[in-house]
Amino acid sequence: ILFIMSASLMGFPVTSLVTLLGTSGLTIGLALQGSL
């Protein structure tokens, strides 16, 4: 949460970033399957 708030404070489009992470969920899940 702190990282997202800091990115928002810097002017990064946090909404777009969250959307991108959501659409990349499958790829991230496969990459992190060991951690999961």
PDB file of all heavy atoms in Angstrom:
ATOM      1  N   ILE A   1       0.842  -1.213   0.000  1.00  0.00           N
ATOM      2  CA  ILE A   1       0.000   0.000   0.000  1.00  0.00           C
ATOM      3  C   ILE A   1       0.867   1.249   0.000  1.00  0.00           C
ATOM      4  O   ILE A   1       0.592   2.222  -0.728  1.00  0.00           O
ATOM      5  CB  ILE A   1      -0.946  -0.022   1.212  1.00  0.00           C
ATOM      6  CG1 ILE A   1      -1.945  -1.184   1.087  1.00  0.00           C
ATOM      7  CG2 ILE A   1      -1.691   1.305   1.345  1.00  0.00           C
ATOM      8  CD1 ILE A   1      -2.810  -1.372   2.312  1.00  0.00           C
ATOM      9  N   LEU A   2       1.923   1.246   0.811  1.00  0.00           N
ATOM     10  CA  LEU A   2       2.824   2.405   0.869  1.00  0.00           C
ATOM     11  C   LEU A   2       3.488   2.637  -0.477  1.00  0.00           C
ATOM     12  O   LEU A   2       3.633   3.792  -0.921  1.00  0.00           O
ATOM     13  CB  LEU A   2       3.878   2.182   1.959  1.00  0.00           C
ATOM     14  CG  LEU A   2       4.926   3.292   2.118  1.00  0.00           C
ATOM     15  CD1 LEU A   2       4.260   4.614   2.492  1.00  0.00           C
ATOM     16  CD2 LEU A   2       5.960   2.892   3.176  1.00  0.00           C
ATOM     17  N   PHE A   3       3.889   1.568  -1.150  1.00  0.00           N
ATOM     18  CA  PHE A   3       4.529   1.704  -2.462  1.00  0.00           C
ATOM     19  C   PHE A   3       3.560   2.307  -3.483  1.00  0.00           C
ATOM     20  O   PHE A   3       3.933   3.198  -4.264  1.00  0.00           O
ATOM     21  CB  PHE A   3       5.010   0.332  -2.939  1.00  0.00           C
ATOM     22  CG  PHE A   3       5.589   0.339  -4.322  1.00  0.00           C
ATOM     23  CD1 PHE A   3       6.869   0.798  -4.563  1.00  0.00           C
ATOM     24  CD2 PHE A   3       4.832  -0.093  -5.410  1.00  0.00           C
ATOM     25  CE1 PHE A   3       7.405   0.830  -5.847  1.00  0.00           C
ATOM     26  CE2 PHE A   3       5.350  -0.079  -6.692  1.00  0.00           C
ATOM     27  CZ  PHE A   3       6.639   0.388  -6.917  1.00  0.00           C
ATOM     28  N   ILE A   4       2.318   1.843  -3.475  1.00  0.00           N
ATOM     29  CA  ILE A   4       1.320   2.377  -4.410  1.00  0.00           C
ATOM     30  C   ILE A   4       1.047   3.849  -4.121  1.00  0.00           C
ATOM     31  O   ILE A   4       0.946   4.678  -5.046  1.00  0.00           O
ATOM     32  CB  ILE A   4       0.026   1.548  -4.321  1.00  0.00           C
ATOM     33  CG1 ILE A   4       0.267   0.135  -4.863  1.00  0.00           C
ATOM     34  CG2 ILE A   4      -1.109   2.208  -5.098  1.00  0.00           C
ATOM     35  CD1 ILE A   4      -0.905  -0.799  -4.698  1.00  0.00           C
ATOM     36  N   MET A   5       0.950   4.216  -2.844  1.00  0.00           N
ATOM     37  CA  MET A   5       0.717   5.623  -2.478  1.00  0.00           C
ATOM     38  C   MET A   5       1.897   6.493  -2.890  1.00  0.00           C
ATOM     39  O   MET A   5       1.705   7.624  -3.363  1.00  0.00           O
ATOM     40  CB  MET A   5       0.463   5.723  -0.977  1.00  0.00           C
ATOM     41  CG  MET A   5      -0.837   5.071  -0.512  1.00  0.00           C
ATOM     42  SD  MET A   5      -1.039   5.083   1.283  1.00  0.00           S
ATOM     43  CE  MET A   5      -1.169   6.864   1.583  1.00  0.00           C
ATOM     44  N   SER A   6       3.109   5.970  -2.727  1.00  0.00           N
ATOM     45  CA  SER A   6       4.304   6.733  -3.124  1.00  0.00           C
ATOM     46  C   SER A   6       4.346   6.925  -4.633  1.00  0.00           C
ATOM     47  O   SER A   6       4.682   8.004  -5.125  1.00  0.00           O
ATOM     48  CB  SER A   6       5.567   6.012  -2.642  1.00  0.00           C
ATOM     49  OG  SER A   6       5.570   5.866  -1.238  1.00  0.00           O
ATOM     50  N   ALA A   7       3.997   5.867  -5.385  1.00  0.00           N
ATOM     51  CA  ALA A   7       3.951   5.979  -6.842  1.00  0.00           C
ATOM     52  C   ALA A   7       2.898   6.986  -7.278  1.00  0.00           C
ATOM     53  O   ALA A   7       3.102   7.758  -8.220  1.00  0.00           O
ATOM     54  CB  ALA A   7       3.660   4.604  -7.456  1.00  0.00           C
ATOM     55  N   SER A   8       1.767   6.990  -6.579  1.00  0.00           N
ATOM     56  CA  SER A   8       0.706   7.958  -6.888  1.00  0.00           C
ATOM     57  C   SER A   8       1.169   9.377  -6.607  1.00  0.00           C
ATOM     58  O   SER A   8       0.870  10.306  -7.370  1.00  0.00           O
ATOM     59  CB  SER A   8      -0.539   7.631  -6.066  1.00  0.00           C
ATOM     60  OG  SER A   8      -1.556   8.588  -6.286  1.00  0.00           O
ATOM     61  N   LEU A   9       1.905   9.562  -5.526  1.00  0.00           N
ATOM     62  CA  LEU A   9       2.420  10.882  -5.174  1.00  0.00           C
ATOM     63  C   LEU A   9       3.396  11.396  -6.224  1.00  0.00           C
ATOM     64  O   LEU A   9       3.453  12.602  -6.505  1.00  0.00           O
ATOM     65  CB  LEU A   9       3.100  10.823  -3.802  1.00  0.00           C
ATOM     66  CG  LEU A   9       3.557  12.154  -3.193  1.00  0.00           C
ATOM     67  CD1 LEU A   9       2.357  13.080  -2.982  1.00  0.00           C
ATOM     68  CD2 LEU A   9       4.285  11.915  -1.876  1.00  0.00           C
ATOM     69  N   MET A  10       4.148  10.498  -6.843  1.00  0.00           N
ATOM     70  CA  MET A  10       5.092  10.884  -7.895  1.00  0.00           C
ATOM     71  C   MET A  10       4.389  11.183  -9.217  1.00  0.00           C
ATOM     72  O   MET A  10       5.000  11.696 -10.150  1.00  0.00           O
ATOM     73  CB  MET A  10       6.105   9.758  -8.119  1.00  0.00           C
ATOM     74  CG  MET A  10       7.249   9.762  -7.113  1.00  0.00           C
ATOM     75  SD  MET A  10       8.349  11.175  -7.291  1.00  0.00           S
ATOM     76  CE  MET A  10       9.035  10.895  -8.917  1.00  0.00           C
ATOM     77  N   GLY A  11       3.123  10.869  -9.307  1.00  0.00           N
ATOM     78  CA  GLY A  11       2.377  11.166 -10.519  1.00  0.00           C
ATOM     79  C   GLY A  11       2.211   9.998 -11.459  1.00  0.00           C
ATOM     80  O   GLY A  11       1.694  10.160 -12.576  1.00  0.00           O
ATOM     81  N   PHE A  12       2.625   8.794 -11.041  1.00  0.00           N
ATOM     82  CA  PHE A  12       2.436   7.622 -11.881  1.00  0.00           C
ATOM     83  C   PHE A  12       0.945   7.266 -11.943  1.00  0.00           C
ATOM     84  O   PHE A  12       0.227   7.400 -10.937  1.00  0.00           O
ATOM     85  CB  PHE A  12       3.221   6.424 -11.334  1.00  0.00           C
ATOM     86  CG  PHE A  12       4.699   6.534 -11.531  1.00  0.00           C
ATOM     87  CD1 PHE A  12       5.531   6.897 -10.468  1.00  0.00           C
ATOM     88  CD2 PHE A  12       5.277   6.288 -12.765  1.00  0.00           C
ATOM     89  CE1 PHE A  12       6.897   7.002 -10.642  1.00  0.00           C
ATOM     90  CE2 PHE A  12       6.645   6.384 -12.945  1.00  0.00           C
ATOM     91  CZ  PHE A  12       7.456   6.749 -11.882  1.00  0.00           C
ATOM     92  N   PRO A  13       0.464   6.816 -13.085  1.00  0.00           N
ATOM     93  CA  PRO A  13      -0.944   6.417 -13.209  1.00  0.00           C
ATOM     94  C   PRO A  13      -1.190   5.096 -12.493  1.00  0.00           C
ATOM     95  O   PRO A  13      -1.097   4.010 -13.089  1.00  0.00           O
ATOM     96  CB  PRO A  13      -1.144   6.284 -14.724  1.00  0.00           C
ATOM     97  CG  PRO A  13       0.211   5.992 -15.264  1.00  0.00           C
ATOM     98  CD  PRO A  13       1.193   6.698 -14.364  1.00  0.00           C
ATOM     99  N   VAL A  14      -1.470   5.166 -11.196  1.00  0.00           N
ATOM    100  CA  VAL A  14      -1.605   3.971 -10.368  1.00  0.00           C
ATOM    101  C   VAL A  14      -2.739   3.083 -10.855  1.00  0.00           C
ATOM    102  O   VAL A  14      -2.636   1.857 -10.854  1.00  0.00           O
ATOM    103  CB  VAL A  14      -1.837   4.381  -8.893  1.00  0.00           C
ATOM    104  CG1 VAL A  14      -2.050   3.144  -8.023  1.00  0.00           C
ATOM    105  CG2 VAL A  14      -0.654   5.180  -8.392  1.00  0.00           C
ATOM    106  N   THR A  15      -3.854   3.700 -11.317  1.00  0.00           N
ATOM    107  CA  THR A  15      -4.990   2.919 -11.810  1.00  0.00           C
ATOM    108  C   THR A  15      -4.582   2.053 -12.993  1.00  0.00           C
ATOM    109  O   THR A  15      -4.923   0.871 -13.086  1.00  0.00           O
ATOM    110  CB  THR A  15      -6.144   3.847 -12.219  1.00  0.00           C
ATOM    111  OG1 THR A  15      -6.491   4.674 -11.110  1.00  0.00           O
ATOM    112  CG2 THR A  15      -7.353   3.028 -12.638  1.00  0.00           C
ATOM    113  N   SER A  16      -3.814   2.656 -13.890  1.00  0.00           N
ATOM    114  CA  SER A  16      -3.336   1.892 -15.047  1.00  0.00           C
ATOM    115  C   SER A  16      -2.379   0.790 -14.618  1.00  0.00           C
ATOM    116  O   SER A  16      -2.376  -0.306 -15.182  1.00  0.00           O
ATOM    117  CB  SER A  16      -2.635   2.837 -16.034  1.00  0.00           C
ATOM    118  OG  SER A  16      -3.522   3.848 -16.463  1.00  0.00           O
ATOM    119  N   LEU A  17      -1.557   1.097 -13.590  1.00  0.00           N
ATOM    120  CA  LEU A  17      -0.607   0.103 -13.104  1.00  0.00           C
ATOM    121  C   LEU A  17      -1.334  -1.101 -12.499  1.00  0.00           C
ATOM    122  O   LEU A  17      -0.993  -2.252 -12.771  1.00  0.00           O
ATOM    123  CB  LEU A  17       0.316   0.740 -12.047  1.00  0.00           C
ATOM    124  CG  LEU A  17       1.346  -0.178 -11.389  1.00  0.00           C
ATOM    125  CD1 LEU A  17       2.308  -0.746 -12.417  1.00  0.00           C
ATOM    126  CD2 LEU A  17       2.099   0.565 -10.288  1.00  0.00           C
ATOM    127  N   VAL A  18      -2.366  -0.830 -11.695  1.00  0.00           N
ATOM    128  CA  VAL A  18      -3.142  -1.913 -11.083  1.00  0.00           C
ATOM    129  C   VAL A  18      -3.848  -2.739 -12.162  1.00  0.00           C
ATOM    130  O   VAL A  18      -3.909  -3.970 -12.092  1.00  0.00           O
ATOM    131  CB  VAL A  18      -4.162  -1.337 -10.075  1.00  0.00           C
ATOM    132  CG1 VAL A  18      -5.092  -2.434  -9.575  1.00  0.00           C
ATOM    133  CG2 VAL A  18      -3.445  -0.674  -8.911  1.00  0.00           C
ATOM    134  N   THR A  19      -4.383  -2.029 -13.179  1.00  0.00           N
ATOM    135  CA  THR A  19      -5.045  -2.737 -14.285  1.00  0.00           C
ATOM    136  C   THR A  19      -4.066  -3.629 -15.019  1.00  0.00           C
ATOM    137  O   THR A  19      -4.378  -4.777 -15.372  1.00  0.00           O
ATOM    138  CB  THR A  19      -5.663  -1.727 -15.262  1.00  0.00           C
ATOM    139  OG1 THR A  19      -6.571  -0.891 -14.545  1.00  0.00           O
ATOM    140  CG2 THR A  19      -6.398  -2.436 -16.381  1.00  0.00           C
ATOM    141  N   LEU A  20      -2.860  -3.105 -15.252  1.00  0.00           N
ATOM    142  CA  LEU A  20      -1.836  -3.882 -15.928  1.00  0.00           C
ATOM    143  C   LEU A  20      -1.453  -5.115 -15.122  1.00  0.00           C
ATOM    144  O   LEU A  20      -1.298  -6.212 -15.670  1.00  0.00           O
ATOM    145  CB  LEU A  20      -0.592  -3.009 -16.171  1.00  0.00           C
ATOM    146  CG  LEU A  20       0.597  -3.697 -16.847  1.00  0.00           C
ATOM    147  CD1 LEU A  20       0.205  -4.183 -18.243  1.00  0.00           C
ATOM    148  CD2 LEU A  20       1.783  -2.738 -16.931  1.00  0.00           C
ATOM    149  N   LEU A  21      -1.335  -4.948 -13.801  1.00  0.00           N
ATOM    150  CA  LEU A  21      -1.006  -6.091 -12.953  1.00  0.00           C
ATOM    151  C   LEU A  21      -2.131  -7.125 -12.972  1.00  0.00           C
ATOM    152  O   LEU A  21      -1.885  -8.335 -12.964  1.00  0.00           O
ATOM    153  CB  LEU A  21      -0.760  -5.624 -11.515  1.00  0.00           C
ATOM    154  CG  LEU A  21       0.514  -4.813 -11.278  1.00  0.00           C
ATOM    155  CD1 LEU A  21       0.581  -4.344  -9.833  1.00  0.00           C
ATOM    156  CD2 LEU A  21       1.750  -5.630 -11.622  1.00  0.00           C
ATOM    157  N   GLY A  22      -3.374  -6.636 -13.031  1.00  0.00           N
ATOM    158  CA  GLY A  22      -4.502  -7.550 -13.084  1.00  0.00           C
ATOM    159  C   GLY A  22      -4.516  -8.362 -14.356  1.00  0.00           C
ATOM    160  O   GLY A  22      -4.742  -9.575 -14.346  1.00  0.00           O
ATOM    161  N   THR A  23      -4.261  -7.701 -15.493  1.00  0.00           N
ATOM    162  CA  THR A  23      -4.254  -8.417 -16.775  1.00  0.00           C
ATOM    163  C   THR A  23      -3.039  -9.322 -16.910  1.00  0.00           C
ATOM    164  O   THR A  23      -3.043 -10.270 -17.692  1.00  0.00           O
ATOM    165  CB  THR A  23      -4.254  -7.414 -17.940  1.00  0.00           C
ATOM    166  OG1 THR A  23      -3.131  -6.522 -17.801  1.00  0.00           O
ATOM    167  CG2 THR A  23      -5.543  -6.597 -17.952  1.00  0.00           C
ATOM    168  N   SER A  24      -1.997  -9.021 -16.137  1.00  0.00           N
ATOM    169  CA  SER A  24      -0.788  -9.852 -16.183  1.00  0.00           C
ATOM    170  C   SER A  24      -0.777 -10.894 -15.074  1.00  0.00           C
ATOM    171  O   SER A  24       0.254 -11.504 -14.800  1.00  0.00           O
ATOM    172  CB  SER A  24       0.468  -8.968 -16.058  1.00  0.00           C
ATOM    173  OG  SER A  24       0.474  -7.966 -17.046  1.00  0.00           O
ATOM    174  N   GLY A  25      -1.924 -11.087 -14.423  1.00  0.00           N
ATOM    175  CA  GLY A  25      -1.996 -11.987 -13.272  1.00  0.00           C
ATOM    176  C   GLY A  25      -1.563 -13.403 -13.590  1.00  0.00           C
ATOM    177  O   GLY A  25      -0.879 -14.044 -12.793  1.00  0.00           O
ATOM    178  N   LEU A  26      -1.976 -13.899 -14.770  1.00  0.00           N
ATOM    179  CA  LEU A  26      -1.621 -15.276 -15.124  1.00  0.00           C
ATOM    180  C   LEU A  26      -0.121 -15.428 -15.279  1.00  0.00           C
ATOM    181  O   LEU A  26       0.483 -16.388 -14.769  1.00  0.00           O
ATOM    182  CB  LEU A  26      -2.323 -15.669 -16.426  1.00  0.00           C
ATOM    183  CG  LEU A  26      -2.034 -17.084 -16.936  1.00  0.00           C
ATOM    184  CD1 LEU A  26      -2.450 -18.118 -15.901  1.00  0.00           C
ATOM    185  CD2 LEU A  26      -2.739 -17.333 -18.261  1.00  0.00           C
ATOM    186  N   THR A  27       0.504 -14.473 -15.974  1.00  0.00           N
ATOM    187  CA  THR A  27       1.952 -14.524 -16.172  1.00  0.00           C
ATOM    188  C   THR A  27       2.693 -14.433 -14.848  1.00  0.00           C
ATOM    189  O   THR A  27       3.639 -15.188 -14.581  1.00  0.00           O
ATOM    190  CB  THR A  27       2.401 -13.380 -17.100  1.00  0.00           C
ATOM    191  OG1 THR A  27       1.679 -13.460 -18.328  1.00  0.00           O
ATOM    192  CG2 THR A  27       3.891 -13.464 -17.364  1.00  0.00           C
ATOM    193  N   ILE A  28       2.230 -13.497 -14.004  1.00  0.00           N
ATOM    194  CA  ILE A  28       2.875 -13.333 -12.693  1.00  0.00           C
ATOM    195  C   ILE A  28       2.683 -14.590 -11.847  1.00  0.00           C
ATOM    196  O   ILE A  28       3.594 -15.046 -11.157  1.00  0.00           O
ATOM    197  CB  ILE A  28       2.304 -12.098 -11.973  1.00  0.00           C
ATOM    198  CG1 ILE A  28       2.673 -10.822 -12.755  1.00  0.00           C
ATOM    199  CG2 ILE A  28       2.821 -12.009 -10.548  1.00  0.00           C
ATOM    200  CD1 ILE A  28       2.020  -9.574 -12.214  1.00  0.00           C
ATOM    201  N   GLY A  29       1.478 -15.180 -11.942  1.00  0.00           N
ATOM    202  CA  GLY A  29       1.208 -16.391 -11.180  1.00  0.00           C
ATOM    203  C   GLY A  29       2.107 -17.539 -11.584  1.00  0.00           C
ATOM    204  O   GLY A  29       2.597 -18.283 -10.740  1.00  0.00           O
ATOM    205  N   LEU A  30       2.328 -17.679 -12.904  1.00  0.00           N
ATOM    206  CA  LEU A  30       3.218 -18.734 -13.386  1.00  0.00           C
ATOM    207  C   LEU A  30       4.653 -18.493 -12.947  1.00  0.00           C
ATOM    208  O   LEU A  30       5.381 -19.421 -12.593  1.00  0.00           O
ATOM    209  CB  LEU A  30       3.130 -18.836 -14.918  1.00  0.00           C
ATOM    210  CG  LEU A  30       1.802 -19.364 -15.473  1.00  0.00           C
ATOM    211  CD1 LEU A  30       1.793 -19.253 -17.002  1.00  0.00           C
ATOM    212  CD2 LEU A  30       1.551 -20.799 -15.031  1.00  0.00           C
ATOM    213  N   ALA A  31       5.052 -17.214 -12.995  1.00  0.00           N
ATOM    214  CA  ALA A  31       6.424 -16.881 -12.618  1.00  0.00           C
ATOM    215  C   ALA A  31       6.655 -17.074 -11.122  1.00  0.00           C
ATOM    216  O   ALA A  31       7.761 -17.402 -10.693  1.00  0.00           O
ATOM    217  CB  ALA A  31       6.737 -15.442 -13.015  1.00  0.00           C
ATOM    218  N   LEU A  32       5.603 -16.876 -10.349  1.00  0.00           N
ATOM    219  CA  LEU A  32       5.739 -16.949  -8.896  1.00  0.00           C
ATOM    220  C   LEU A  32       5.096 -18.203  -8.308  1.00  0.00           C
ATOM    221  O   LEU A  32       4.740 -18.230  -7.138  1.00  0.00           O
ATOM    222  CB  LEU A  32       5.115 -15.700  -8.254  1.00  0.00           C
ATOM    223  CG  LEU A  32       5.713 -14.353  -8.640  1.00  0.00           C
ATOM    224  CD1 LEU A  32       4.942 -13.230  -7.959  1.00  0.00           C
ATOM    225  CD2 LEU A  32       7.190 -14.279  -8.281  1.00  0.00           C
ATOM    226  N   GLN A  33       4.926 -19.230  -9.137  1.00  0.00           N
ATOM    227  CA  GLN A  33       4.226 -20.411  -8.650  1.00  0.00           C
ATOM    228  C   GLN A  33       4.948 -21.068  -7.484  1.00  0.00           C
ATOM    229  O   GLN A  33       4.314 -21.637  -6.583  1.00  0.00           O
ATOM    230  CB  GLN A  33       4.016 -21.412  -9.777  1.00  0.00           C
ATOM    231  CG  GLN A  33       5.285 -21.887 -10.452  1.00  0.00           C
ATOM    232  CD  GLN A  33       4.982 -22.854 -11.586  1.00  0.00           C
ATOM    233  OE1 GLN A  33       3.901 -23.412 -11.663  1.00  0.00           O
ATOM    234  NE2 GLN A  33       5.929 -23.035 -12.474  1.00  0.00           N
ATOM    235  N   GLY A  34       6.278 -20.963  -7.485  1.00  0.00           N
ATOM    236  CA  GLY A  34       7.023 -21.509  -6.355  1.00  0.00           C
ATOM    237  C   GLY A  34       6.715 -20.751  -5.071  1.00  0.00           C
ATOM    238  O   GLY A  34       6.493 -21.351  -4.011  1.00  0.00           O
ATOM    239  N   SER A  35       6.671 -19.407  -5.166  1.00  0.00           N
ATOM    240  CA  SER A  35       6.366 -18.589  -4.001  1.00  0.00           C
ATOM    241  C   SER A  35       4.932 -18.812  -3.533  1.00  0.00           C
ATOM    242  O   SER A  35       4.658 -18.868  -2.327  1.00  0.00           O
ATOM    243  CB  SER A  35       6.579 -17.104  -4.329  1.00  0.00           C
ATOM    244  OG  SER A  35       7.930 -16.851  -4.640  1.00  0.00           O
ATOM    245  N   LEU A  36       4.004 -18.948  -4.504  1.00  0.00           N
ATOM    246  CA  LEU A  36       2.610 -19.211  -4.146  1.00  0.00           C
ATOM    247  C   LEU A  36       2.476 -20.566  -3.464  1.00  0.00           C
ATOM    248  O   LEU A  36       1.680 -20.734  -2.535  1.00  0.00           O
ATOM    249  CB  LEU A  36       1.728 -19.145  -5.392  1.00  0.00           C
ATOM    250  CG  LEU A  36       1.616 -17.765  -6.064  1.00  0.00           C
ATOM    251  CD1 LEU A  36       0.792 -17.856  -7.337  1.00  0.00           C
ATOM    252  CD2 LEU A  36       1.005 -16.753  -5.104  1.00  0.00           C
TER     253      LEU A  36
END
